[in-house]
PDB file of N, CA and C in Angstrom:
ATOM      1  N   MET A   1       0.445  -1.081  -0.051  1.00  0.00           N
ATOM      2  CA  MET A   1      -0.048  -0.265   0.002  1.00  0.00           C
ATOM      3  C   MET A   1       1.072   1.327   0.006  1.00  0.00           C
ATOM      4  N   GLY A   2       1.870   1.212   0.968  1.00  0.00           N
ATOM      5  CA  GLY A   2       2.537   2.788   0.863  1.00  0.00           C
ATOM      6  C   GLY A   2       3.772   2.591  -0.847  1.00  0.00           C
ATOM      7  N   THR A   3       4.059   1.480  -0.984  1.00  0.00           N
ATOM      8  CA  THR A   3       4.505   1.862  -2.156  1.00  0.00           C
ATOM      9  C   THR A   3       3.710   2.222  -3.462  1.00  0.00           C
ATOM     10  N   TYR A   4       2.235   1.964  -3.434  1.00  0.00           N
ATOM     11  CA  TYR A   4       1.577   2.544  -4.531  1.00  0.00           C
ATOM     12  C   TYR A   4       1.546   3.861  -4.810  1.00  0.00           C
ATOM     13  N   VAL A   5       1.627   4.218  -2.837  1.00  0.00           N
ATOM     14  CA  VAL A   5       1.273   5.927  -2.758  1.00  0.00           C
ATOM     15  C   VAL A   5       2.656   6.639  -2.834  1.00  0.00           C
ATOM     16  N   ILE A   6       3.454   6.187  -2.747  1.00  0.00           N
ATOM     17  CA  ILE A   6       5.033   6.537  -2.460  1.00  0.00           C
ATOM     18  C   ILE A   6       5.068   7.120  -4.588  1.00  0.00           C
ATOM     19  N   CYS A   7       5.003   5.617  -5.394  1.00  0.00           N
ATOM     20  CA  CYS A   7       5.241   5.861  -6.695  1.00  0.00           C
ATOM     21  C   CYS A   7       3.747   6.916  -6.782  1.00  0.00           C
ATOM     22  N   ALA A   8       2.685   7.015  -6.191  1.00  0.00           N
ATOM     23  CA  ALA A   8       1.773   8.471  -6.897  1.00  0.00           C
ATOM     24  C   ALA A   8       2.104   9.621  -6.762  1.00  0.00           C
ATOM     25  N   VAL A   9       2.913   9.655  -5.675  1.00  0.00           N
ATOM     26  CA  VAL A   9       3.619  11.524  -5.442  1.00  0.00           C
ATOM     27  C   VAL A   9       4.643  11.513  -6.647  1.00  0.00           C
ATOM     28  N   LEU A  10       5.105  10.675  -6.618  1.00  0.00           N
ATOM     29  CA  LEU A  10       6.912   9.995  -7.227  1.00  0.00           C
ATOM     30  C   LEU A  10       5.766  10.896  -8.967  1.00  0.00           C
ATOM     31  N   ALA A  11       4.775   9.933  -9.638  1.00  0.00           N
ATOM     32  CA  ALA A  11       4.280   9.903 -10.143  1.00  0.00           C
ATOM     33  C   ALA A  11       3.561  11.974 -10.965  1.00  0.00           C
ATOM     34  N   VAL A  12       2.890  12.748  -9.570  1.00  0.00           N
ATOM     35  CA  VAL A  12       2.873  13.764  -9.256  1.00  0.00           C
ATOM     36  C   VAL A  12       3.702  14.862  -9.966  1.00  0.00           C
ATOM     37  N   ILE A  13       4.408  14.652  -9.798  1.00  0.00           N
ATOM     38  CA  ILE A  13       6.144  15.503  -9.262  1.00  0.00           C
ATOM     39  C   ILE A  13       6.538  15.254 -10.565  1.00  0.00           C
ATOM     40  N   VAL A  14       6.410  14.440 -11.543  1.00  0.00           N
ATOM     41  CA  VAL A  14       7.586  14.018 -12.609  1.00  0.00           C
ATOM     42  C   VAL A  14       6.219  14.765 -13.678  1.00  0.00           C
ATOM     43  N   ILE A  15       4.993  14.673 -13.903  1.00  0.00           N
ATOM     44  CA  ILE A  15       4.204  15.561 -14.657  1.00  0.00           C
ATOM     45  C   ILE A  15       4.254  16.578 -14.353  1.00  0.00           C
ATOM     46  N   PHE A  16       4.321  17.071 -13.081  1.00  0.00           N
ATOM     47  CA  PHE A  16       4.451  18.519 -13.016  1.00  0.00           C
ATOM     48  C   PHE A  16       6.041  19.458 -13.743  1.00  0.00           C
ATOM     49  N   ALA A  17       7.317  18.250 -13.332  1.00  0.00           N
ATOM     50  CA  ALA A  17       8.578  18.559 -13.887  1.00  0.00           C
ATOM     51  C   ALA A  17       8.418  19.039 -15.705  1.00  0.00           C
ATOM     52  N   VAL A  18       7.667  17.397 -16.005  1.00  0.00           N
ATOM     53  CA  VAL A  18       7.912  18.021 -17.071  1.00  0.00           C
ATOM     54  C   VAL A  18       7.042  19.013 -18.220  1.00  0.00           C
ATOM     55  N   LYS A  19       6.026  19.021 -17.276  1.00  0.00           N
ATOM     56  CA  LYS A  19       5.080  20.167 -17.372  1.00  0.00           C
ATOM     57  C   LYS A  19       5.727  21.906 -17.787  1.00  0.00           C
ATOM     58  N   SER A  20       5.945  22.156 -16.588  1.00  0.00           N
ATOM     59  CA  SER A  20       7.274  23.120 -15.810  1.00  0.00           C
ATOM     60  C   SER A  20       8.361  22.803 -16.926  1.00  0.00           C
ATOM     61  N   GLY A  21       8.778  21.883 -17.584  1.00  0.00           N
ATOM     62  CA  GLY A  21      10.285  22.303 -18.557  1.00  0.00           C
ATOM     63  C   GLY A  21       9.739  22.656 -19.527  1.00  0.00           C
ATOM     64  N   LEU A  22       8.969  22.047 -20.432  1.00  0.00           N
ATOM     65  CA  LEU A  22       8.054  21.990 -21.269  1.00  0.00           C
ATOM     66  C   LEU A  22       8.472  23.909 -21.709  1.00  0.00           C
ATOM     67  N   SER A  23       6.977  24.113 -20.681  1.00  0.00           N
ATOM     68  CA  SER A  23       6.671  25.476 -20.741  1.00  0.00           C
ATOM     69  C   SER A  23       8.152  26.722 -20.776  1.00  0.00           C
ATOM     70  N   HIS A  24       8.924  26.193 -19.809  1.00  0.00           N
ATOM     71  CA  HIS A  24      10.515  26.611 -19.746  1.00  0.00           C
ATOM     72  C   HIS A  24      11.126  27.091 -21.171  1.00  0.00           C
ATOM     73  N   PHE A  25      11.250  25.901 -21.811  1.00  0.00           N
ATOM     74  CA  PHE A  25      12.129  25.522 -23.157  1.00  0.00           C
ATOM     75  C   PHE A  25      11.096  26.492 -24.552  1.00  0.00           C
ATOM     76  N   LYS A  26       9.938  26.699 -24.178  1.00  0.00           N
ATOM     77  CA  LYS A  26       9.147  27.335 -25.062  1.00  0.00           C
ATOM     78  C   LYS A  26       9.380  28.521 -24.587  1.00  0.00           C
ATOM     79  N   GLY A  27       9.617  29.711 -23.706  1.00  0.00           N
ATOM     80  CA  GLY A  27       9.399  30.907 -23.326  1.00  0.00           C
ATOM     81  C   GLY A  27       8.769  31.048 -23.140  1.00  0.00           C
ATOM     82  N   GLU A  28       7.261  30.002 -22.224  1.00  0.00           N
ATOM     83  CA  GLU A  28       5.976  30.056 -22.147  1.00  0.00           C
ATOM     84  C   GLU A  28       5.818  30.777 -20.380  1.00  0.00           C
ATOM     85  N   GLY A  29       7.115  29.642 -19.984  1.00  0.00           N
ATOM     86  CA  GLY A  29       7.136  29.935 -18.424  1.00  0.00           C
ATOM     87  C   GLY A  29       7.094  31.372 -17.943  1.00  0.00           C
ATOM     88  N   GLY A  30       6.336  31.465 -16.169  1.00  0.00           N
ATOM     89  CA  GLY A  30       6.758  33.030 -15.657  1.00  0.00           C
ATOM     90  C   GLY A  30       8.279  33.912 -15.957  1.00  0.00           C
ATOM     91  N   CYS A  31       9.347  32.293 -16.046  1.00  0.00           N
ATOM     92  CA  CYS A  31      10.619  33.086 -16.076  1.00  0.00           C
ATOM     93  C   CYS A  31      11.119  32.473 -17.036  1.00  0.00           C
ATOM     94  N   CYS A  32      12.474  34.048 -17.301  1.00  0.00           N
ATOM     95  CA  CYS A  32      12.452  33.312 -19.043  1.00  0.00           C
ATOM     96  C   CYS A  32      14.058  32.944 -18.695  1.00  0.00           C
ATOM     97  N   GLY A  33      14.350  32.496 -18.027  1.00  0.00           N
ATOM     98  CA  GLY A  33      16.231  31.706 -17.896  1.00  0.00           C
ATOM     99  C   GLY A  33      16.060  31.069 -18.917  1.00  0.00           C
ATOM    100  N   GLY A  34      16.044  30.116 -19.700  1.00  0.00           N
ATOM    101  CA  GLY A  34      16.360  29.947 -20.949  1.00  0.00           C
ATOM    102  C   GLY A  34      16.307  30.290 -22.600  1.00  0.00           C
ATOM    103  N   GLY A  35      15.369  31.103 -22.043  1.00  0.00           N
ATOM    104  CA  GLY A  35      14.633  32.052 -23.868  1.00  0.00           C
ATOM    105  C   GLY A  35      16.238  33.061 -24.015  1.00  0.00           C
ATOM    106  N   GLY A  36      16.995  32.745 -23.526  1.00  0.00           N
ATOM    107  CA  GLY A  36      18.369  33.679 -24.227  1.00  0.00           C
ATOM    108  C   GLY A  36      18.042  35.115 -23.948  1.00  0.00           C
ATOM    109  N   GLY A  37      17.373  35.964 -23.637  1.00  0.00           N
ATOM    110  CA  GLY A  37      16.804  37.363 -23.365  1.00  0.00           C
ATOM    111  C   GLY A  37      17.891  37.773 -22.407  1.00  0.00           C
ATOM    112  N   SER A  38      18.650  37.177 -22.461  1.00  0.00           N
ATOM    113  CA  SER A  38      19.698  37.636 -21.369  1.00  0.00           C
ATOM    114  C   SER A  38      21.135  38.511 -21.916  1.00  0.00           C
ATOM    115  N   ILE A  39      20.753  39.218 -22.734  1.00  0.00           N
ATOM    116  CA  ILE A  39      21.997  40.394 -23.380  1.00  0.00           C
ATOM    117  C   ILE A  39      20.749  41.265 -23.420  1.00  0.00           C
ATOM    118  N   ILE A  40      21.351  42.714 -22.551  1.00  0.00           N
ATOM    119  CA  ILE A  40      21.176  43.846 -21.876  1.00  0.00           C
ATOM    120  C   ILE A  40      21.687  44.668 -23.203  1.00  0.00           C
ATOM    121  N   VAL A  41      19.887  45.152 -23.398  1.00  0.00           N
ATOM    122  CA  VAL A  41      19.954  46.414 -24.410  1.00  0.00           C
ATOM    123  C   VAL A  41      20.814  48.156 -23.929  1.00  0.00           C
ATOM    124  N   GLN A  42      22.155  47.998 -24.977  1.00  0.00           N
ATOM    125  CA  GLN A  42      22.615  49.642 -24.220  1.00  0.00           C
ATOM    126  C   GLN A  42      21.463  50.768 -24.689  1.00  0.00           C
ATOM    127  N   LYS A  43      21.245  51.515 -23.984  1.00  0.00           N
ATOM    128  CA  LYS A  43      20.682  52.917 -24.435  1.00  0.00           C
ATOM    129  C   LYS A  43      21.055  53.882 -23.779  1.00  0.00           C
ATOM    130  N   LYS A  44      20.731  55.293 -24.772  1.00  0.00           N
ATOM    131  CA  LYS A  44      21.078  56.816 -24.492  1.00  0.00           C
ATOM    132  C   LYS A  44      19.701  57.801 -25.003  1.00  0.00           C
ATOM    133  N   LEU A  45      19.683  58.084 -23.400  1.00  0.00           N
ATOM    134  CA  LEU A  45      18.528  59.399 -24.523  1.00  0.00           C
ATOM    135  C   LEU A  45      18.983  60.426 -25.737  1.00  0.00           C
ATOM    136  N   ASN A  46      17.750  60.983 -26.050  1.00  0.00           N
ATOM    137  CA  ASN A  46      18.504  61.778 -27.077  1.00  0.00           C
ATOM    138  C   ASN A  46      19.021  63.357 -26.628  1.00  0.00           C
ATOM    139  N   GLY A  47      18.004  63.563 -25.840  1.00  0.00           N
ATOM    140  CA  GLY A  47      17.565  64.571 -25.267  1.00  0.00           C
ATOM    141  C   GLY A  47      18.063  65.019 -24.197  1.00  0.00           C
ATOM    142  N   PRO A  48      17.755  65.759 -22.635  1.00  0.00           N
ATOM    143  CA  PRO A  48      17.973  65.901 -21.662  1.00  0.00           C
ATOM    144  C   PRO A  48      16.669  65.737 -20.391  1.00  0.00           C
ATOM    145  N   VAL A  49      16.573  64.936 -19.868  1.00  0.00           N
ATOM    146  CA  VAL A  49      15.608  64.311 -19.108  1.00  0.00           C
ATOM    147  C   VAL A  49      14.577  65.053 -18.727  1.00  0.00           C
ATOM    148  N   ILE A  50      13.395  64.708 -18.880  1.00  0.00           N
ATOM    149  CA  ILE A  50      12.333  65.943 -18.317  1.00  0.00           C
ATOM    150  C   ILE A  50      11.978  65.643 -17.178  1.00  0.00           C
ATOM    151  N   LEU A  51      11.290  64.412 -17.270  1.00  0.00           N
ATOM    152  CA  LEU A  51      11.031  63.162 -16.380  1.00  0.00           C
ATOM    153  C   LEU A  51      11.107  61.983 -16.087  1.00  0.00           C
ATOM    154  N   LYS A  52      10.844  61.752 -14.573  1.00  0.00           N
ATOM    155  CA  LYS A  52      11.244  60.831 -13.923  1.00  0.00           C
ATOM    156  C   LYS A  52      10.437  59.904 -13.209  1.00  0.00           C
ATOM    157  N   LYS A  53       9.824  58.860 -13.492  1.00  0.00           N
ATOM    158  CA  LYS A  53       8.843  57.595 -12.912  1.00  0.00           C
ATOM    159  C   LYS A  53       9.231  56.619 -12.159  1.00  0.00           C
ATOM    160  N   SER A  54       8.633  55.717 -11.430  1.00  0.00           N
ATOM    161  CA  SER A  54       8.809  54.745 -10.701  1.00  0.00           C
ATOM    162  C   SER A  54       7.413  53.698 -10.999  1.00  0.00           C
ATOM    163  N   PHE A  55       8.219  52.712 -11.453  1.00  0.00           N
ATOM    164  CA  PHE A  55       6.528  51.630 -11.213  1.00  0.00           C
ATOM    165  C   PHE A  55       7.368  50.789 -10.527  1.00  0.00           C
ATOM    166  N   ILE A  56       6.113  49.530 -10.022  1.00  0.00           N
ATOM    167  CA  ILE A  56       5.983  48.043  -8.671  1.00  0.00           C
ATOM    168  C   ILE A  56       5.959  47.082 -10.582  1.00  0.00           C
ATOM    169  N   ILE A  57       7.129  46.686 -10.449  1.00  0.00           N
ATOM    170  CA  ILE A  57       6.549  44.973 -11.048  1.00  0.00           C
ATOM    171  C   ILE A  57       6.842  43.799 -10.433  1.00  0.00           C
ATOM    172  N   LYS A  58       6.003  43.600 -10.527  1.00  0.00           N
ATOM    173  CA  LYS A  58       5.760  41.945 -10.163  1.00  0.00           C
ATOM    174  C   LYS A  58       5.559  41.022 -11.293  1.00  0.00           C
ATOM    175  N   GLY A  59       6.082  39.808 -10.359  1.00  0.00           N
ATOM    176  CA  GLY A  59       6.314  38.381 -11.737  1.00  0.00           C
ATOM    177  C   GLY A  59       7.730  38.548 -11.930  1.00  0.00           C
ATOM    178  N   MET A  60       8.687  39.118 -11.710  1.00  0.00           N
ATOM    179  CA  MET A  60      10.210  39.284 -11.911  1.00  0.00           C
ATOM    180  C   MET A  60      10.344  38.315 -11.161  1.00  0.00           C
ATOM    181  N   LYS A  61      11.632  37.029 -10.516  1.00  0.00           N
ATOM    182  CA  LYS A  61      11.795  35.430 -10.778  1.00  0.00           C
ATOM    183  C   LYS A  61      13.249  35.651 -10.638  1.00  0.00           C
ATOM    184  N   CYS A  62      14.059  35.710 -11.689  1.00  0.00           N
ATOM    185  CA  CYS A  62      15.229  35.938 -11.501  1.00  0.00           C
ATOM    186  C   CYS A  62      15.659  37.076 -12.499  1.00  0.00           C
ATOM    187  N   ASP A  63      17.530  37.110 -12.694  1.00  0.00           N
ATOM    188  CA  ASP A  63      18.131  38.175 -13.553  1.00  0.00           C
ATOM    189  C   ASP A  63      17.764  37.989 -14.983  1.00  0.00           C
ATOM    190  N   ASN A  64      17.007  37.152 -15.540  1.00  0.00           N
ATOM    191  CA  ASN A  64      16.883  37.514 -16.848  1.00  0.00           C
ATOM    192  C   ASN A  64      15.490  37.436 -16.918  1.00  0.00           C
ATOM    193  N   CYS A  65      14.182  37.640 -15.616  1.00  0.00           N
ATOM    194  CA  CYS A  65      13.342  38.372 -15.736  1.00  0.00           C
ATOM    195  C   CYS A  65      13.673  40.041 -16.025  1.00  0.00           C
ATOM    196  N   ARG A  66      14.390  40.301 -14.464  1.00  0.00           N
ATOM    197  CA  ARG A  66      14.680  41.491 -14.925  1.00  0.00           C
ATOM    198  C   ARG A  66      15.044  42.584 -16.016  1.00  0.00           C
ATOM    199  N   ILE A  67      16.180  41.505 -17.053  1.00  0.00           N
ATOM    200  CA  ILE A  67      16.350  41.613 -18.274  1.00  0.00           C
ATOM    201  C   ILE A  67      15.711  42.081 -19.364  1.00  0.00           C
ATOM    202  N   ARG A  68      15.085  40.376 -19.592  1.00  0.00           N
ATOM    203  CA  ARG A  68      13.478  41.094 -20.604  1.00  0.00           C
ATOM    204  C   ARG A  68      12.259  42.597 -19.508  1.00  0.00           C
ATOM    205  N   ALA A  69      12.491  42.817 -18.606  1.00  0.00           N
ATOM    206  CA  ALA A  69      11.564  43.686 -18.640  1.00  0.00           C
ATOM    207  C   ALA A  69      12.212  45.259 -18.905  1.00  0.00           C
ATOM    208  N   GLN A  70      13.506  44.617 -18.257  1.00  0.00           N
ATOM    209  CA  GLN A  70      14.559  45.901 -18.457  1.00  0.00           C
ATOM    210  C   GLN A  70      14.634  46.765 -19.949  1.00  0.00           C
ATOM    211  N   ASN A  71      14.646  45.710 -21.144  1.00  0.00           N
ATOM    212  CA  ASN A  71      14.838  46.040 -22.384  1.00  0.00           C
ATOM    213  C   ASN A  71      13.573  46.579 -23.110  1.00  0.00           C
ATOM    214  N   ALA A  72      12.771  45.686 -22.510  1.00  0.00           N
ATOM    215  CA  ALA A  72      11.085  46.494 -22.962  1.00  0.00           C
ATOM    216  C   ALA A  72      10.773  47.093 -22.919  1.00  0.00           C
ATOM    217  N   LEU A  73      11.140  48.009 -21.441  1.00  0.00           N
ATOM    218  CA  LEU A  73      10.946  49.478 -21.208  1.00  0.00           C
ATOM    219  C   LEU A  73      11.708  50.407 -21.859  1.00  0.00           C
ATOM    220  N   ASN A  74      13.051  49.364 -21.828  1.00  0.00           N
ATOM    221  CA  ASN A  74      13.802  50.763 -23.510  1.00  0.00           C
ATOM    222  C   ASN A  74      14.055  50.595 -24.498  1.00  0.00           C
ATOM    223  N   GLU A  75      13.242  49.611 -25.352  1.00  0.00           N
ATOM    224  CA  GLU A  75      12.686  49.712 -26.652  1.00  0.00           C
ATOM    225  C   GLU A  75      11.741  50.977 -27.146  1.00  0.00           C
ATOM    226  N   ILE A  76      11.410  51.676 -25.789  1.00  0.00           N
ATOM    227  CA  ILE A  76      10.308  52.790 -26.145  1.00  0.00           C
ATOM    228  C   ILE A  76      10.863  53.469 -26.570  1.00  0.00           C
ATOM    229  N   GLU A  77      10.542  54.711 -27.183  1.00  0.00           N
ATOM    230  CA  GLU A  77      11.332  55.731 -27.268  1.00  0.00           C
ATOM    231  C   GLU A  77      11.358  56.597 -27.254  1.00  0.00           C
ATOM    232  N   GLY A  78      12.394  57.289 -26.426  1.00  0.00           N
ATOM    233  CA  GLY A  78      12.487  58.220 -25.077  1.00  0.00           C
ATOM    234  C   GLY A  78      12.055  57.233 -24.075  1.00  0.00           C
ATOM    235  N   VAL A  79      12.678  56.477 -23.318  1.00  0.00           N
ATOM    236  CA  VAL A  79      12.438  56.383 -22.144  1.00  0.00           C
ATOM    237  C   VAL A  79      13.680  55.415 -22.330  1.00  0.00           C
ATOM    238  N   LEU A  80      14.390  55.832 -21.013  1.00  0.00           N
ATOM    239  CA  LEU A  80      15.326  54.599 -20.168  1.00  0.00           C
ATOM    240  C   LEU A  80      15.247  53.752 -18.823  1.00  0.00           C
ATOM    241  N   ALA A  81      15.658  52.976 -18.523  1.00  0.00           N
ATOM    242  CA  ALA A  81      15.039  52.188 -17.606  1.00  0.00           C
ATOM    243  C   ALA A  81      15.807  51.507 -16.796  1.00  0.00           C
ATOM    244  N   LYS A  82      15.652  51.451 -15.936  1.00  0.00           N
ATOM    245  CA  LYS A  82      16.960  50.735 -15.176  1.00  0.00           C
ATOM    246  C   LYS A  82      15.983  50.236 -14.133  1.00  0.00           C
ATOM    247  N   VAL A  83      15.994  48.660 -14.123  1.00  0.00           N
ATOM    248  CA  VAL A  83      14.937  47.201 -13.451  1.00  0.00           C
ATOM    249  C   VAL A  83      16.033  47.387 -12.338  1.00  0.00           C
ATOM    250  N   ASN A  84      14.877  47.277 -10.892  1.00  0.00           N
ATOM    251  CA  ASN A  84      15.760  46.414  -9.611  1.00  0.00           C
ATOM    252  C   ASN A  84      15.060  45.157  -9.195  1.00  0.00           C
ATOM    253  N   LEU A  85      16.082  44.131  -9.402  1.00  0.00           N
ATOM    254  CA  LEU A  85      14.550  43.019  -9.079  1.00  0.00           C
ATOM    255  C   LEU A  85      14.628  42.255  -7.451  1.00  0.00           C
ATOM    256  N   LYS A  86      15.545  42.773  -6.554  1.00  0.00           N
ATOM    257  CA  LYS A  86      15.354  42.638  -5.170  1.00  0.00           C
ATOM    258  C   LYS A  86      13.733  44.051  -4.682  1.00  0.00           C
ATOM    259  N   LYS A  87      13.931  45.165  -5.406  1.00  0.00           N
ATOM    260  CA  LYS A  87      13.043  46.136  -5.305  1.00  0.00           C
ATOM    261  C   LYS A  87      11.741  45.961  -5.661  1.00  0.00           C
ATOM    262  N   GLY A  88      12.212  45.735  -6.944  1.00  0.00           N
ATOM    263  CA  GLY A  88      10.561  44.976  -8.157  1.00  0.00           C
ATOM    264  C   GLY A  88      10.379  46.104  -8.408  1.00  0.00           C
ATOM    265  N   ARG A  89      11.400  47.436  -8.723  1.00  0.00           N
ATOM    266  CA  ARG A  89      10.823  48.384  -8.856  1.00  0.00           C
ATOM    267  C   ARG A  89      11.695  49.230 -10.700  1.00  0.00           C
ATOM    268  N   ALA A  90      10.869  49.303 -11.571  1.00  0.00           N
ATOM    269  CA  ALA A  90      11.093  50.229 -12.950  1.00  0.00           C
ATOM    270  C   ALA A  90      11.858  52.157 -12.336  1.00  0.00           C
ATOM    271  N   ASP A  91      12.769  52.193 -12.863  1.00  0.00           N
ATOM    272  CA  ASP A  91      13.095  53.359 -12.521  1.00  0.00           C
ATOM    273  C   ASP A  91      13.117  54.619 -13.984  1.00  0.00           C
ATOM    274  N   ILE A  92      12.328  55.005 -14.853  1.00  0.00           N
ATOM    275  CA  ILE A  92      12.336  55.576 -15.649  1.00  0.00           C
ATOM    276  C   ILE A  92      12.640  57.086 -15.847  1.00  0.00           C
ATOM    277  N   SER A  93      13.149  57.190 -16.721  1.00  0.00           N
ATOM    278  CA  SER A  93      13.914  58.448 -17.126  1.00  0.00           C
ATOM    279  C   SER A  93      12.966  58.393 -18.712  1.00  0.00           C
ATOM    280  N   CYS A  94      12.691  59.744 -19.550  1.00  0.00           N
ATOM    281  CA  CYS A  94      11.502  60.223 -20.082  1.00  0.00           C
ATOM    282  C   CYS A  94      13.024  61.366 -20.727  1.00  0.00           C
ATOM    283  N   ASP A  95      13.024  61.540 -21.824  1.00  0.00           N
ATOM    284  CA  ASP A  95      13.000  62.701 -22.699  1.00  0.00           C
ATOM    285  C   ASP A  95      11.891  63.706 -23.506  1.00  0.00           C
ATOM    286  N   ARG A  96      10.601  63.394 -23.240  1.00  0.00           N
ATOM    287  CA  ARG A  96      10.163  63.200 -23.990  1.00  0.00           C
ATOM    288  C   ARG A  96       8.569  63.171 -23.372  1.00  0.00           C
ATOM    289  N   LYS A  97       7.578  63.845 -23.250  1.00  0.00           N
ATOM    290  CA  LYS A  97       6.231  62.555 -22.684  1.00  0.00           C
ATOM    291  C   LYS A  97       5.519  61.375 -22.994  1.00  0.00           C
ATOM    292  N   VAL A  98       5.847  60.933 -22.321  1.00  0.00           N
ATOM    293  CA  VAL A  98       5.481  59.025 -22.171  1.00  0.00           C
ATOM    294  C   VAL A  98       4.340  58.775 -21.626  1.00  0.00           C
ATOM    295  N   ASP A  99       3.035  58.561 -21.939  1.00  0.00           N
ATOM    296  CA  ASP A  99       2.233  57.763 -21.446  1.00  0.00           C
ATOM    297  C   ASP A  99       2.165  56.956 -20.158  1.00  0.00           C
ATOM    298  N   ASP A 100       2.040  57.029 -19.594  1.00  0.00           N
ATOM    299  CA  ASP A 100       1.745  55.688 -18.436  1.00  0.00           C
ATOM    300  C   ASP A 100       1.526  54.581 -18.961  1.00  0.00           C
ATOM    301  N   GLU A 101       0.091  54.359 -19.788  1.00  0.00           N
ATOM    302  CA  GLU A 101      -0.588  53.051 -20.663  1.00  0.00           C
ATOM    303  C   GLU A 101       0.614  52.236 -21.401  1.00  0.00           C
ATOM    304  N   VAL A 102       1.675  53.129 -22.443  1.00  0.00           N
ATOM    305  CA  VAL A 102       2.749  52.273 -23.031  1.00  0.00           C
ATOM    306  C   VAL A 102       3.591  52.114 -22.026  1.00  0.00           C
ATOM    307  N   ILE A 103       3.797  52.615 -20.777  1.00  0.00           N
ATOM    308  CA  ILE A 103       5.014  51.638 -20.194  1.00  0.00           C
ATOM    309  C   ILE A 103       4.403  50.255 -19.795  1.00  0.00           C
ATOM    310  N   LYS A 104       3.558  50.276 -18.974  1.00  0.00           N
ATOM    311  CA  LYS A 104       2.520  49.548 -18.913  1.00  0.00           C
ATOM    312  C   LYS A 104       2.441  47.819 -19.502  1.00  0.00           C
ATOM    313  N   ALA A 105       1.955  48.805 -20.720  1.00  0.00           N
ATOM    314  CA  ALA A 105       1.665  47.456 -22.038  1.00  0.00           C
ATOM    315  C   ALA A 105       2.628  46.994 -22.242  1.00  0.00           C
ATOM    316  N   ALA A 106       3.914  47.247 -22.659  1.00  0.00           N
ATOM    317  CA  ALA A 106       5.651  46.901 -22.770  1.00  0.00           C
ATOM    318  C   ALA A 106       6.185  46.133 -21.413  1.00  0.00           C
ATOM    319  N   VAL A 107       5.822  46.590 -20.365  1.00  0.00           N
ATOM    320  CA  VAL A 107       5.659  45.286 -19.209  1.00  0.00           C
ATOM    321  C   VAL A 107       4.888  44.369 -19.478  1.00  0.00           C
ATOM    322  N   GLU A 108       3.779  44.820 -19.423  1.00  0.00           N
ATOM    323  CA  GLU A 108       2.758  43.325 -19.438  1.00  0.00           C
ATOM    324  C   GLU A 108       2.637  42.464 -20.562  1.00  0.00           C
ATOM    325  N   LYS A 109       2.851  42.703 -21.844  1.00  0.00           N
ATOM    326  CA  LYS A 109       3.670  41.969 -22.434  1.00  0.00           C
ATOM    327  C   LYS A 109       4.151  40.713 -22.482  1.00  0.00           C
ATOM    328  N   CYS A 110       5.625  41.314 -21.514  1.00  0.00           N
ATOM    329  CA  CYS A 110       6.622  39.913 -21.285  1.00  0.00           C
ATOM    330  C   CYS A 110       6.227  39.191 -20.043  1.00  0.00           C
ATOM    331  N   GLY A 111       4.696  39.604 -19.910  1.00  0.00           N
ATOM    332  CA  GLY A 111       4.277  38.679 -18.879  1.00  0.00           C
ATOM    333  C   GLY A 111       4.284  38.752 -17.361  1.00  0.00           C
ATOM    334  N   TYR A 112       4.356  40.672 -17.027  1.00  0.00           N
ATOM    335  CA  TYR A 112       4.858  40.646 -15.950  1.00  0.00           C
ATOM    336  C   TYR A 112       3.162  42.218 -15.564  1.00  0.00           C
ATOM    337  N   SER A 113       3.158  41.948 -14.684  1.00  0.00           N
ATOM    338  CA  SER A 113       2.081  43.053 -13.716  1.00  0.00           C
ATOM    339  C   SER A 113       2.550  44.349 -13.153  1.00  0.00           C
ATOM    340  N   VAL A 114       2.069  45.581 -13.605  1.00  0.00           N
ATOM    341  CA  VAL A 114       2.604  46.650 -13.278  1.00  0.00           C
ATOM    342  C   VAL A 114       2.203  47.403 -12.402  1.00  0.00           C
ATOM    343  N   SER A 115       1.839  48.409 -11.619  1.00  0.00           N
ATOM    344  CA  SER A 115       1.399  49.624 -11.020  1.00  0.00           C
ATOM    345  C   SER A 115       2.615  50.808 -10.500  1.00  0.00           C
ATOM    346  N   GLU A 116       1.662  51.422  -9.965  1.00  0.00           N
ATOM    347  CA  GLU A 116       2.665  52.665  -9.698  1.00  0.00           C
ATOM    348  C   GLU A 116       2.738  53.011  -8.111  1.00  0.00           C
TER     349      GLU A 116
END
């Protein structure tokens, strides 16, 4: 009887591990560790900083998540972002007016949630 229980528990663990591994390698998981998004995009603003904002980003689990969110923000024209994983915060400098919804959409597209 005890052997069946142990086998059932092990089967459940294996199923979750395989499911998690497949989504991880497809880049669909909450963590993007295996997905090659670990290159930091270097960016400079074209003009002087006219606005600074901070946003809370939830859902980042590792440094690859941080880089992914930071790169998504830095792809926005007029935005220079620095994301802190431990604080779960993005500090953004803008050289032009950028709507908060554009910033939130870029981060949410990566699979994270955003608040101010």
